[in-house]
Amino acid sequence: QYKVPTLLIDIQNLMFRIMPDKSFNNTGLSKSNIITLAHSMRTLDFSN
């Protein structure tokens, strides 16, 4: 993606929130940190 679709990130984070914490055990980050990271990408746009 070169312009992050905000809706897609929001849906993804909603899914993350309802997933059990153990689902993130092999990612290197906690569930809350993954959600924070994904949220920080919402406004990325490299179009110009």
ModelCIF file with pLDDT and N, C-alpha, C, O atoms, coordinates in Angstrom:
data_MODEL
#
_entry.id   MODEL 
#
_entity.id                         1 
_entity.type                       polymer 
_entity.pdbx_number_of_molecules   1 
#
_entity_poly.entity_id                      1 
_entity_poly.type                           'polypeptide(L)' 
_entity_poly.nstd_linkage                   no 
_entity_poly.nstd_monomer                   no 
_entity_poly.pdbx_seq_one_letter_code       QYKVPTLLIDIQNLMFRIMPDKSFNNTGLSKSNIITLAHSMRTLDFSN 
_entity_poly.pdbx_seq_one_letter_code_can   QYKVPTLLIDIQNLMFRIMPDKSFNNTGLSKSNIITLAHSMRTLDFSN 
_entity_poly.pdbx_strand_id                 A 
#
loop_
_entity_poly_seq.entity_id 
_entity_poly_seq.num 
_entity_poly_seq.mon_id 
_entity_poly_seq.hetero 
1 1  GLN n 
1 2  TYR n 
1 3  LYS n 
1 4  VAL n 
1 5  PRO n 
1 6  THR n 
1 7  LEU n 
1 8  LEU n 
1 9  ILE n 
1 10 ASP n 
1 11 ILE n 
1 12 GLN n 
1 13 ASN n 
1 14 LEU n 
1 15 MET n 
1 16 PHE n 
1 17 ARG n 
1 18 ILE n 
1 19 MET n 
1 20 PRO n 
1 21 ASP n 
1 22 LYS n 
1 23 SER n 
1 24 PHE n 
1 25 ASN n 
1 26 ASN n 
1 27 THR n 
1 28 GLY n 
1 29 LEU n 
1 30 SER n 
1 31 LYS n 
1 32 SER n 
1 33 ASN n 
1 34 ILE n 
1 35 ILE n 
1 36 THR n 
1 37 LEU n 
1 38 ALA n 
1 39 HIS n 
1 40 SER n 
1 41 MET n 
1 42 ARG n 
1 43 THR n 
1 44 LEU n 
1 45 ASP n 
1 46 PHE n 
1 47 SER n 
1 48 ASN n 
#
_struct_asym.id          A 
_struct_asym.entity_id   1 
#
loop_
_ma_qa_metric.id 
_ma_qa_metric.mode 
_ma_qa_metric.name 
_ma_qa_metric.software_group_id 
_ma_qa_metric.type 
1 global pLDDT . pLDDT 
2 local  pLDDT . pLDDT 
#
_ma_qa_metric_global.metric_id      1 
_ma_qa_metric_global.metric_value   87.79 
_ma_qa_metric_global.model_id       1 
_ma_qa_metric_global.ordinal_id     1 
#
loop_
_ma_qa_metric_local.label_asym_id 
_ma_qa_metric_local.label_comp_id 
_ma_qa_metric_local.label_seq_id 
_ma_qa_metric_local.metric_id 
_ma_qa_metric_local.metric_value 
_ma_qa_metric_local.model_id 
_ma_qa_metric_local.ordinal_id 
A GLN 1  2 94.00 1 1  
A TYR 2  2 95.00 1 2  
A LYS 3  2 94.00 1 3  
A VAL 4  2 91.00 1 4  
A PRO 5  2 86.00 1 5  
A THR 6  2 85.00 1 6  
A LEU 7  2 81.00 1 7  
A LEU 8  2 79.00 1 8  
A ILE 9  2 83.00 1 9  
A ASP 10 2 85.00 1 10 
A ILE 11 2 85.00 1 11 
A GLN 12 2 81.00 1 12 
A ASN 13 2 84.00 1 13 
A LEU 14 2 89.00 1 14 
A MET 15 2 87.00 1 15 
A PHE 16 2 87.00 1 16 
A ARG 17 2 90.00 1 17 
A ILE 18 2 90.00 1 18 
A MET 19 2 87.00 1 19 
A PRO 20 2 88.00 1 20 
A ASP 21 2 86.00 1 21 
A LYS 22 2 85.00 1 22 
A SER 23 2 83.00 1 23 
A PHE 24 2 82.00 1 24 
A ASN 25 2 79.00 1 25 
A ASN 26 2 79.00 1 26 
A THR 27 2 78.00 1 27 
A GLY 28 2 77.00 1 28 
A LEU 29 2 83.00 1 29 
A SER 30 2 85.00 1 30 
A LYS 31 2 88.00 1 31 
A SER 32 2 89.00 1 32 
A ASN 33 2 89.00 1 33 
A ILE 34 2 89.00 1 34 
A ILE 35 2 90.00 1 35 
A THR 36 2 91.00 1 36 
A LEU 37 2 92.00 1 37 
A ALA 38 2 90.00 1 38 
A HIS 39 2 91.00 1 39 
A SER 40 2 93.00 1 40 
A MET 41 2 92.00 1 41 
A ARG 42 2 91.00 1 42 
A THR 43 2 92.00 1 43 
A LEU 44 2 95.00 1 44 
A ASP 45 2 96.00 1 45 
A PHE 46 2 97.00 1 46 
A SER 47 2 95.00 1 47 
A ASN 48 2 96.00 1 48 
#
loop_
_atom_site.group_PDB 
_atom_site.id 
_atom_site.type_symbol 
_atom_site.label_atom_id 
_atom_site.label_alt_id 
_atom_site.label_comp_id 
_atom_site.label_asym_id 
_atom_site.label_entity_id 
_atom_site.label_seq_id 
_atom_site.pdbx_PDB_ins_code 
_atom_site.Cartn_x 
_atom_site.Cartn_y 
_atom_site.Cartn_z 
_atom_site.occupancy 
_atom_site.B_iso_or_equiv 
_atom_site.pdbx_formal_charge 
_atom_site.auth_seq_id 
_atom_site.auth_comp_id 
_atom_site.auth_asym_id 
_atom_site.auth_atom_id 
_atom_site.pdbx_PDB_model_num 
ATOM 1   N N  . GLN A 1 1  ? 0.879   -1.167  0.000  1.00 94.00 ? 1  GLN A N  1 
ATOM 2   C CA . GLN A 1 1  ? 0.000   0.000   0.000  1.00 94.00 ? 1  GLN A CA 1 
ATOM 3   C C  . GLN A 1 1  ? 0.919   1.220   0.000  1.00 94.00 ? 1  GLN A C  1 
ATOM 4   O O  . GLN A 1 1  ? 1.935   1.231   0.695  1.00 94.00 ? 1  GLN A O  1 
ATOM 5   N N  . TYR A 1 2  ? 0.569   2.244   -0.773 1.00 95.00 ? 2  TYR A N  1 
ATOM 6   C CA . TYR A 1 2  ? 1.337   3.480   -0.722 1.00 95.00 ? 2  TYR A CA 1 
ATOM 7   C C  . TYR A 1 2  ? 0.530   4.595   -0.063 1.00 95.00 ? 2  TYR A C  1 
ATOM 8   O O  . TYR A 1 2  ? 1.070   5.644   0.288  1.00 95.00 ? 2  TYR A O  1 
ATOM 9   N N  . LYS A 1 3  ? -0.758  4.355   0.099  1.00 94.00 ? 3  LYS A N  1 
ATOM 10  C CA . LYS A 1 3  ? -1.631  5.230   0.874  1.00 94.00 ? 3  LYS A CA 1 
ATOM 11  C C  . LYS A 1 3  ? -2.476  4.316   1.749  1.00 94.00 ? 3  LYS A C  1 
ATOM 12  O O  . LYS A 1 3  ? -3.378  3.634   1.262  1.00 94.00 ? 3  LYS A O  1 
ATOM 13  N N  . VAL A 1 4  ? -2.180  4.307   3.037  1.00 91.00 ? 4  VAL A N  1 
ATOM 14  C CA . VAL A 1 4  ? -2.811  3.338   3.934  1.00 91.00 ? 4  VAL A CA 1 
ATOM 15  C C  . VAL A 1 4  ? -4.317  3.599   4.018  1.00 91.00 ? 4  VAL A C  1 
ATOM 16  O O  . VAL A 1 4  ? -4.735  4.711   4.339  1.00 91.00 ? 4  VAL A O  1 
ATOM 17  N N  . PRO A 1 5  ? -5.129  2.586   3.733  1.00 86.00 ? 5  PRO A N  1 
ATOM 18  C CA . PRO A 1 5  ? -6.583  2.749   3.858  1.00 86.00 ? 5  PRO A CA 1 
ATOM 19  C C  . PRO A 1 5  ? -6.984  2.756   5.337  1.00 86.00 ? 5  PRO A C  1 
ATOM 20  O O  . PRO A 1 5  ? -6.895  1.733   6.016  1.00 86.00 ? 5  PRO A O  1 
ATOM 21  N N  . THR A 1 6  ? -7.416  3.893   5.815  1.00 85.00 ? 6  THR A N  1 
ATOM 22  C CA . THR A 1 6  ? -7.740  4.056   7.237  1.00 85.00 ? 6  THR A CA 1 
ATOM 23  C C  . THR A 1 6  ? -8.772  3.044   7.701  1.00 85.00 ? 6  THR A C  1 
ATOM 24  O O  . THR A 1 6  ? -8.646  2.479   8.788  1.00 85.00 ? 6  THR A O  1 
ATOM 25  N N  . LEU A 1 7  ? -9.786  2.812   6.889  1.00 81.00 ? 7  LEU A N  1 
ATOM 26  C CA . LEU A 1 7  ? -10.837 1.870   7.268  1.00 81.00 ? 7  LEU A CA 1 
ATOM 27  C C  . LEU A 1 7  ? -10.279 0.468   7.466  1.00 81.00 ? 7  LEU A C  1 
ATOM 28  O O  . LEU A 1 7  ? -10.684 -0.245  8.384  1.00 81.00 ? 7  LEU A O  1 
ATOM 29  N N  . LEU A 1 8  ? -9.349  0.077   6.603  1.00 79.00 ? 8  LEU A N  1 
ATOM 30  C CA . LEU A 1 8  ? -8.744  -1.248  6.709  1.00 79.00 ? 8  LEU A CA 1 
ATOM 31  C C  . LEU A 1 8  ? -7.970  -1.390  8.021  1.00 79.00 ? 8  LEU A C  1 
ATOM 32  O O  . LEU A 1 8  ? -8.047  -2.422  8.688  1.00 79.00 ? 8  LEU A O  1 
ATOM 33  N N  . ILE A 1 9  ? -7.224  -0.342  8.382  1.00 83.00 ? 9  ILE A N  1 
ATOM 34  C CA . ILE A 1 9  ? -6.491  -0.371  9.648  1.00 83.00 ? 9  ILE A CA 1 
ATOM 35  C C  . ILE A 1 9  ? -7.452  -0.450  10.824 1.00 83.00 ? 9  ILE A C  1 
ATOM 36  O O  . ILE A 1 9  ? -7.211  -1.190  11.778 1.00 83.00 ? 9  ILE A O  1 
ATOM 37  N N  . ASP A 1 10 ? -8.537  0.307   10.760 1.00 85.00 ? 10 ASP A N  1 
ATOM 38  C CA . ASP A 1 10 ? -9.504  0.309   11.858 1.00 85.00 ? 10 ASP A CA 1 
ATOM 39  C C  . ASP A 1 10 ? -10.174 -1.057  12.018 1.00 85.00 ? 10 ASP A C  1 
ATOM 40  O O  . ASP A 1 10 ? -10.385 -1.523  13.138 1.00 85.00 ? 10 ASP A O  1 
ATOM 41  N N  . ILE A 1 11 ? -10.504 -1.689  10.902 1.00 85.00 ? 11 ILE A N  1 
ATOM 42  C CA . ILE A 1 11 ? -11.106 -3.023  10.956 1.00 85.00 ? 11 ILE A CA 1 
ATOM 43  C C  . ILE A 1 11 ? -10.104 -4.033  11.495 1.00 85.00 ? 11 ILE A C  1 
ATOM 44  O O  . ILE A 1 11 ? -10.441 -4.898  12.302 1.00 85.00 ? 11 ILE A O  1 
ATOM 45  N N  . GLN A 1 12 ? -8.865  -3.903  11.031 1.00 81.00 ? 12 GLN A N  1 
ATOM 46  C CA . GLN A 1 12 ? -7.805  -4.794  11.504 1.00 81.00 ? 12 GLN A CA 1 
ATOM 47  C C  . GLN A 1 12 ? -7.619  -4.661  13.006 1.00 81.00 ? 12 GLN A C  1 
ATOM 48  O O  . GLN A 1 12 ? -7.495  -5.667  13.705 1.00 81.00 ? 12 GLN A O  1 
ATOM 49  N N  . ASN A 1 13 ? -7.597  -3.429  13.516 1.00 84.00 ? 13 ASN A N  1 
ATOM 50  C CA . ASN A 1 13 ? -7.421  -3.218  14.940 1.00 84.00 ? 13 ASN A CA 1 
ATOM 51  C C  . ASN A 1 13 ? -8.617  -3.727  15.738 1.00 84.00 ? 13 ASN A C  1 
ATOM 52  O O  . ASN A 1 13 ? -8.453  -4.210  16.859 1.00 84.00 ? 13 ASN A O  1 
ATOM 53  N N  . LEU A 1 14 ? -9.804  -3.625  15.178 1.00 89.00 ? 14 LEU A N  1 
ATOM 54  C CA . LEU A 1 14 ? -10.986 -4.174  15.837 1.00 89.00 ? 14 LEU A CA 1 
ATOM 55  C C  . LEU A 1 14 ? -10.857 -5.687  15.972 1.00 89.00 ? 14 LEU A C  1 
ATOM 56  O O  . LEU A 1 14 ? -11.205 -6.264  17.002 1.00 89.00 ? 14 LEU A O  1 
ATOM 57  N N  . MET A 1 15 ? -10.358 -6.313  14.926 1.00 87.00 ? 15 MET A N  1 
ATOM 58  C CA . MET A 1 15 ? -10.138 -7.762  14.976 1.00 87.00 ? 15 MET A CA 1 
ATOM 59  C C  . MET A 1 15 ? -9.073  -8.109  16.010 1.00 87.00 ? 15 MET A C  1 
ATOM 60  O O  . MET A 1 15 ? -9.209  -9.081  16.753 1.00 87.00 ? 15 MET A O  1 
ATOM 61  N N  . PHE A 1 16 ? -8.004  -7.299  16.049 1.00 87.00 ? 16 PHE A N  1 
ATOM 62  C CA . PHE A 1 16 ? -6.949  -7.532  17.032 1.00 87.00 ? 16 PHE A CA 1 
ATOM 63  C C  . PHE A 1 16 ? -7.504  -7.475  18.457 1.00 87.00 ? 16 PHE A C  1 
ATOM 64  O O  . PHE A 1 16 ? -7.128  -8.278  19.310 1.00 87.00 ? 16 PHE A O  1 
ATOM 65  N N  . ARG A 1 17 ? -8.394  -6.525  18.701 1.00 90.00 ? 17 ARG A N  1 
ATOM 66  C CA . ARG A 1 17 ? -8.924  -6.323  20.054 1.00 90.00 ? 17 ARG A CA 1 
ATOM 67  C C  . ARG A 1 17 ? -9.727  -7.521  20.562 1.00 90.00 ? 17 ARG A C  1 
ATOM 68  O O  . ARG A 1 17 ? -9.741  -7.802  21.761 1.00 90.00 ? 17 ARG A O  1 
ATOM 69  N N  . ILE A 1 18 ? -10.395 -8.225  19.646 1.00 90.00 ? 18 ILE A N  1 
ATOM 70  C CA . ILE A 1 18 ? -11.207 -9.357  20.085 1.00 90.00 ? 18 ILE A CA 1 
ATOM 71  C C  . ILE A 1 18 ? -10.439 -10.684 20.066 1.00 90.00 ? 18 ILE A C  1 
ATOM 72  O O  . ILE A 1 18 ? -10.933 -11.706 20.542 1.00 90.00 ? 18 ILE A O  1 
ATOM 73  N N  . MET A 1 19 ? -9.237  -10.652 19.515 1.00 87.00 ? 19 MET A N  1 
ATOM 74  C CA . MET A 1 19 ? -8.406  -11.867 19.507 1.00 87.00 ? 19 MET A CA 1 
ATOM 75  C C  . MET A 1 19 ? -7.779  -12.078 20.879 1.00 87.00 ? 19 MET A C  1 
ATOM 76  O O  . MET A 1 19 ? -7.458  -11.101 21.556 1.00 87.00 ? 19 MET A O  1 
ATOM 77  N N  . PRO A 1 20 ? -7.594  -13.327 21.309 1.00 88.00 ? 20 PRO A N  1 
ATOM 78  C CA . PRO A 1 20 ? -6.951  -13.589 22.607 1.00 88.00 ? 20 PRO A CA 1 
ATOM 79  C C  . PRO A 1 20 ? -5.488  -13.174 22.602 1.00 88.00 ? 20 PRO A C  1 
ATOM 80  O O  . PRO A 1 20 ? -4.824  -13.200 21.566 1.00 88.00 ? 20 PRO A O  1 
ATOM 81  N N  . ASP A 1 21 ? -5.001  -12.794 23.768 1.00 86.00 ? 21 ASP A N  1 
ATOM 82  C CA . ASP A 1 21 ? -3.612  -12.325 23.874 1.00 86.00 ? 21 ASP A CA 1 
ATOM 83  C C  . ASP A 1 21 ? -2.610  -13.355 23.356 1.00 86.00 ? 21 ASP A C  1 
ATOM 84  O O  . ASP A 1 21 ? -1.581  -12.994 22.786 1.00 86.00 ? 21 ASP A O  1 
ATOM 85  N N  . LYS A 1 22 ? -2.918  -14.645 23.559 1.00 85.00 ? 22 LYS A N  1 
ATOM 86  C CA . LYS A 1 22 ? -1.966  -15.689 23.166 1.00 85.00 ? 22 LYS A CA 1 
ATOM 87  C C  . LYS A 1 22 ? -1.755  -15.745 21.652 1.00 85.00 ? 22 LYS A C  1 
ATOM 88  O O  . LYS A 1 22 ? -0.770  -16.314 21.182 1.00 85.00 ? 22 LYS A O  1 
ATOM 89  N N  . SER A 1 23 ? -2.685  -15.151 20.887 1.00 83.00 ? 23 SER A N  1 
ATOM 90  C CA . SER A 1 23 ? -2.540  -15.139 19.433 1.00 83.00 ? 23 SER A CA 1 
ATOM 91  C C  . SER A 1 23 ? -1.337  -14.324 18.984 1.00 83.00 ? 23 SER A C  1 
ATOM 92  O O  . SER A 1 23 ? -0.874  -14.466 17.853 1.00 83.00 ? 23 SER A O  1 
ATOM 93  N N  . PHE A 1 24 ? -0.827  -13.467 19.871 1.00 82.00 ? 24 PHE A N  1 
ATOM 94  C CA . PHE A 1 24 ? 0.275   -12.571 19.526 1.00 82.00 ? 24 PHE A CA 1 
ATOM 95  C C  . PHE A 1 24 ? 1.614   -13.043 20.097 1.00 82.00 ? 24 PHE A C  1 
ATOM 96  O O  . PHE A 1 24 ? 2.615   -12.331 20.018 1.00 82.00 ? 24 PHE A O  1 
ATOM 97  N N  . ASN A 1 25 ? 1.624   -14.244 20.669 1.00 79.00 ? 25 ASN A N  1 
ATOM 98  C CA . ASN A 1 25 ? 2.819   -14.728 21.363 1.00 79.00 ? 25 ASN A CA 1 
ATOM 99  C C  . ASN A 1 25 ? 4.041   -14.828 20.465 1.00 79.00 ? 25 ASN A C  1 
ATOM 100 O O  . ASN A 1 25 ? 5.166   -14.638 20.927 1.00 79.00 ? 25 ASN A O  1 
ATOM 101 N N  . ASN A 1 26 ? 3.834   -15.124 19.190 1.00 79.00 ? 26 ASN A N  1 
ATOM 102 C CA . ASN A 1 26 ? 4.968   -15.345 18.285 1.00 79.00 ? 26 ASN A CA 1 
ATOM 103 C C  . ASN A 1 26 ? 5.307   -14.140 17.416 1.00 79.00 ? 26 ASN A C  1 
ATOM 104 O O  . ASN A 1 26 ? 6.083   -14.255 16.467 1.00 79.00 ? 26 ASN A O  1 
ATOM 105 N N  . THR A 1 27 ? 4.729   -12.990 17.735 1.00 78.00 ? 27 THR A N  1 
ATOM 106 C CA . THR A 1 27 ? 4.965   -11.803 16.905 1.00 78.00 ? 27 THR A CA 1 
ATOM 107 C C  . THR A 1 27 ? 6.088   -10.915 17.424 1.00 78.00 ? 27 THR A C  1 
ATOM 108 O O  . THR A 1 27 ? 6.570   -10.042 16.703 1.00 78.00 ? 27 THR A O  1 
ATOM 109 N N  . GLY A 1 28 ? 6.504   -11.127 18.652 1.00 77.00 ? 28 GLY A N  1 
ATOM 110 C CA . GLY A 1 28 ? 7.529   -10.272 19.235 1.00 77.00 ? 28 GLY A CA 1 
ATOM 111 C C  . GLY A 1 28 ? 6.981   -9.038  19.911 1.00 77.00 ? 28 GLY A C  1 
ATOM 112 O O  . GLY A 1 28 ? 7.742   -8.256  20.481 1.00 77.00 ? 28 GLY A O  1 
ATOM 113 N N  . LEU A 1 29 ? 5.660   -8.845  19.857 1.00 83.00 ? 29 LEU A N  1 
ATOM 114 C CA . LEU A 1 29 ? 5.009   -7.714  20.509 1.00 83.00 ? 29 LEU A CA 1 
ATOM 115 C C  . LEU A 1 29 ? 3.757   -8.193  21.238 1.00 83.00 ? 29 LEU A C  1 
ATOM 116 O O  . LEU A 1 29 ? 3.175   -9.219  20.887 1.00 83.00 ? 29 LEU A O  1 
ATOM 117 N N  . SER A 1 30 ? 3.355   -7.446  22.246 1.00 85.00 ? 30 SER A N  1 
ATOM 118 C CA . SER A 1 30 ? 2.106   -7.766  22.935 1.00 85.00 ? 30 SER A CA 1 
ATOM 119 C C  . SER A 1 30 ? 0.921   -7.311  22.089 1.00 85.00 ? 30 SER A C  1 
ATOM 120 O O  . SER A 1 30 ? 1.090   -6.557  21.131 1.00 85.00 ? 30 SER A O  1 
ATOM 121 N N  . LYS A 1 31 ? -0.258  -7.763  22.440 1.00 88.00 ? 31 LYS A N  1 
ATOM 122 C CA . LYS A 1 31 ? -1.476  -7.372  21.745 1.00 88.00 ? 31 LYS A CA 1 
ATOM 123 C C  . LYS A 1 31 ? -1.644  -5.854  21.738 1.00 88.00 ? 31 LYS A C  1 
ATOM 124 O O  . LYS A 1 31 ? -1.934  -5.273  20.692 1.00 88.00 ? 31 LYS A O  1 
ATOM 125 N N  . SER A 1 32 ? -1.469  -5.207  22.883 1.00 89.00 ? 32 SER A N  1 
ATOM 126 C CA . SER A 1 32 ? -1.658  -3.752  22.967 1.00 89.00 ? 32 SER A CA 1 
ATOM 127 C C  . SER A 1 32 ? -0.618  -3.012  22.138 1.00 89.00 ? 32 SER A C  1 
ATOM 128 O O  . SER A 1 32 ? -0.924  -1.979  21.542 1.00 89.00 ? 32 SER A O  1 
ATOM 129 N N  . ASN A 1 33 ? 0.609   -3.528  22.091 1.00 89.00 ? 33 ASN A N  1 
ATOM 130 C CA . ASN A 1 33 ? 1.651   -2.874  21.301 1.00 89.00 ? 33 ASN A CA 1 
ATOM 131 C C  . ASN A 1 33 ? 1.395   -3.009  19.802 1.00 89.00 ? 33 ASN A C  1 
ATOM 132 O O  . ASN A 1 33 ? 1.670   -2.086  19.035 1.00 89.00 ? 33 ASN A O  1 
ATOM 133 N N  . ILE A 1 34 ? 0.867   -4.161  19.389 1.00 89.00 ? 34 ILE A N  1 
ATOM 134 C CA . ILE A 1 34 ? 0.507   -4.363  17.982 1.00 89.00 ? 34 ILE A CA 1 
ATOM 135 C C  . ILE A 1 34 ? -0.575  -3.370  17.571 1.00 89.00 ? 34 ILE A C  1 
ATOM 136 O O  . ILE A 1 34 ? -0.511  -2.779  16.493 1.00 89.00 ? 34 ILE A O  1 
ATOM 137 N N  . ILE A 1 35 ? -1.565  -3.195  18.436 1.00 90.00 ? 35 ILE A N  1 
ATOM 138 C CA . ILE A 1 35 ? -2.658  -2.263  18.154 1.00 90.00 ? 35 ILE A CA 1 
ATOM 139 C C  . ILE A 1 35 ? -2.128  -0.833  18.058 1.00 90.00 ? 35 ILE A C  1 
ATOM 140 O O  . ILE A 1 35 ? -2.528  -0.078  17.172 1.00 90.00 ? 35 ILE A O  1 
ATOM 141 N N  . THR A 1 36 ? -1.226  -0.462  18.973 1.00 91.00 ? 36 THR A N  1 
ATOM 142 C CA . THR A 1 36 ? -0.626  0.878   18.944 1.00 91.00 ? 36 THR A CA 1 
ATOM 143 C C  . THR A 1 36 ? 0.164   1.095   17.662 1.00 91.00 ? 36 THR A C  1 
ATOM 144 O O  . THR A 1 36 ? 0.081   2.155   17.041 1.00 91.00 ? 36 THR A O  1 
ATOM 145 N N  . LEU A 1 37 ? 0.930   0.083   17.272 1.00 92.00 ? 37 LEU A N  1 
ATOM 146 C CA . LEU A 1 37 ? 1.729   0.176   16.053 1.00 92.00 ? 37 LEU A CA 1 
ATOM 147 C C  . LEU A 1 37 ? 0.835   0.337   14.825 1.00 92.00 ? 37 LEU A C  1 
ATOM 148 O O  . LEU A 1 37 ? 1.077   1.205   13.986 1.00 92.00 ? 37 LEU A O  1 
ATOM 149 N N  . ALA A 1 38 ? -0.191  -0.494  14.721 1.00 90.00 ? 38 ALA A N  1 
ATOM 150 C CA . ALA A 1 38 ? -1.092  -0.415  13.573 1.00 90.00 ? 38 ALA A CA 1 
ATOM 151 C C  . ALA A 1 38 ? -1.781  0.949   13.513 1.00 90.00 ? 38 ALA A C  1 
ATOM 152 O O  . ALA A 1 38 ? -1.936  1.523   12.435 1.00 90.00 ? 38 ALA A O  1 
ATOM 153 N N  . HIS A 1 39 ? -2.189  1.460   14.662 1.00 91.00 ? 39 HIS A N  1 
ATOM 154 C CA . HIS A 1 39 ? -2.862  2.766   14.706 1.00 91.00 ? 39 HIS A CA 1 
ATOM 155 C C  . HIS A 1 39 ? -1.937  3.882   14.213 1.00 91.00 ? 39 HIS A C  1 
ATOM 156 O O  . HIS A 1 39 ? -2.396  4.847   13.602 1.00 91.00 ? 39 HIS A O  1 
ATOM 157 N N  . SER A 1 40 ? -0.645  3.749   14.479 1.00 93.00 ? 40 SER A N  1 
ATOM 158 C CA . SER A 1 40 ? 0.317   4.786   14.083 1.00 93.00 ? 40 SER A CA 1 
ATOM 159 C C  . SER A 1 40 ? 0.520   4.846   12.570 1.00 93.00 ? 40 SER A C  1 
ATOM 160 O O  . SER A 1 40 ? 1.155   5.771   12.063 1.00 93.00 ? 40 SER A O  1 
ATOM 161 N N  . MET A 1 41 ? -0.016  3.866   11.853 1.00 92.00 ? 41 MET A N  1 
ATOM 162 C CA . MET A 1 41 ? 0.155   3.811   10.395 1.00 92.00 ? 41 MET A CA 1 
ATOM 163 C C  . MET A 1 41 ? -1.038  4.399   9.647  1.00 92.00 ? 41 MET A C  1 
ATOM 164 O O  . MET A 1 41 ? -1.018  4.460   8.418  1.00 92.00 ? 41 MET A O  1 
ATOM 165 N N  . ARG A 1 42 ? -2.071  4.830   10.360 1.00 91.00 ? 42 ARG A N  1 
ATOM 166 C CA . ARG A 1 42 ? -3.342  5.227   9.740  1.00 91.00 ? 42 ARG A CA 1 
ATOM 167 C C  . ARG A 1 42 ? -3.206  6.362   8.724  1.00 91.00 ? 42 ARG A C  1 
ATOM 168 O O  . ARG A 1 42 ? -3.954  6.393   7.746  1.00 91.00 ? 42 ARG A O  1 
ATOM 169 N N  . THR A 1 43 ? -2.285  7.282   8.926  1.00 92.00 ? 43 THR A N  1 
ATOM 170 C CA . THR A 1 43 ? -2.204  8.471   8.071  1.00 92.00 ? 43 THR A CA 1 
ATOM 171 C C  . THR A 1 43 ? -1.069  8.414   7.047  1.00 92.00 ? 43 THR A C  1 
ATOM 172 O O  . THR A 1 43 ? -0.778  9.418   6.397  1.00 92.00 ? 43 THR A O  1 
ATOM 173 N N  . LEU A 1 44 ? -0.435  7.275   6.897  1.00 95.00 ? 44 LEU A N  1 
ATOM 174 C CA . LEU A 1 44 ? 0.676   7.178   5.946  1.00 95.00 ? 44 LEU A CA 1 
ATOM 175 C C  . LEU A 1 44 ? 0.176   7.328   4.513  1.00 95.00 ? 44 LEU A C  1 
ATOM 176 O O  . LEU A 1 44 ? -0.770  6.655   4.104  1.00 95.00 ? 44 LEU A O  1 
ATOM 177 N N  . ASP A 1 45 ? 0.811   8.203   3.763  1.00 96.00 ? 45 ASP A N  1 
ATOM 178 C CA . ASP A 1 45 ? 0.431   8.459   2.370  1.00 96.00 ? 45 ASP A CA 1 
ATOM 179 C C  . ASP A 1 45 ? 1.660   8.956   1.615  1.00 96.00 ? 45 ASP A C  1 
ATOM 180 O O  . ASP A 1 45 ? 2.142   10.064  1.850  1.00 96.00 ? 45 ASP A O  1 
ATOM 181 N N  . PHE A 1 46 ? 2.160   8.122   0.705  1.00 97.00 ? 46 PHE A N  1 
ATOM 182 C CA . PHE A 1 46 ? 3.359   8.468   -0.055 1.00 97.00 ? 46 PHE A CA 1 
ATOM 183 C C  . PHE A 1 46 ? 3.044   8.850   -1.502 1.00 97.00 ? 46 PHE A C  1 
ATOM 184 O O  . PHE A 1 46 ? 3.935   8.878   -2.350 1.00 97.00 ? 46 PHE A O  1 
ATOM 185 N N  . SER A 1 47 ? 1.788   9.139   -1.774 1.00 95.00 ? 47 SER A N  1 
ATOM 186 C CA . SER A 1 47 ? 1.355   9.431   -3.151 1.00 95.00 ? 47 SER A CA 1 
ATOM 187 C C  . SER A 1 47 ? 2.199   10.517  -3.810 1.00 95.00 ? 47 SER A C  1 
ATOM 188 O O  . SER A 1 47 ? 2.600   10.375  -4.965 1.00 95.00 ? 47 SER A O  1 
ATOM 189 N N  . ASN A 1 48 ? 2.465   11.582  -3.095 1.00 96.00 ? 48 ASN A N  1 
ATOM 190 C CA . ASN A 1 48 ? 3.174   12.729  -3.672 1.00 96.00 ? 48 ASN A CA 1 
ATOM 191 C C  . ASN A 1 48 ? 4.673   12.514  -3.779 1.00 96.00 ? 48 ASN A C  1 
ATOM 192 O O  . ASN A 1 48 ? 5.391   13.398  -4.246 1.00 96.00 ? 48 ASN A O  1 
#
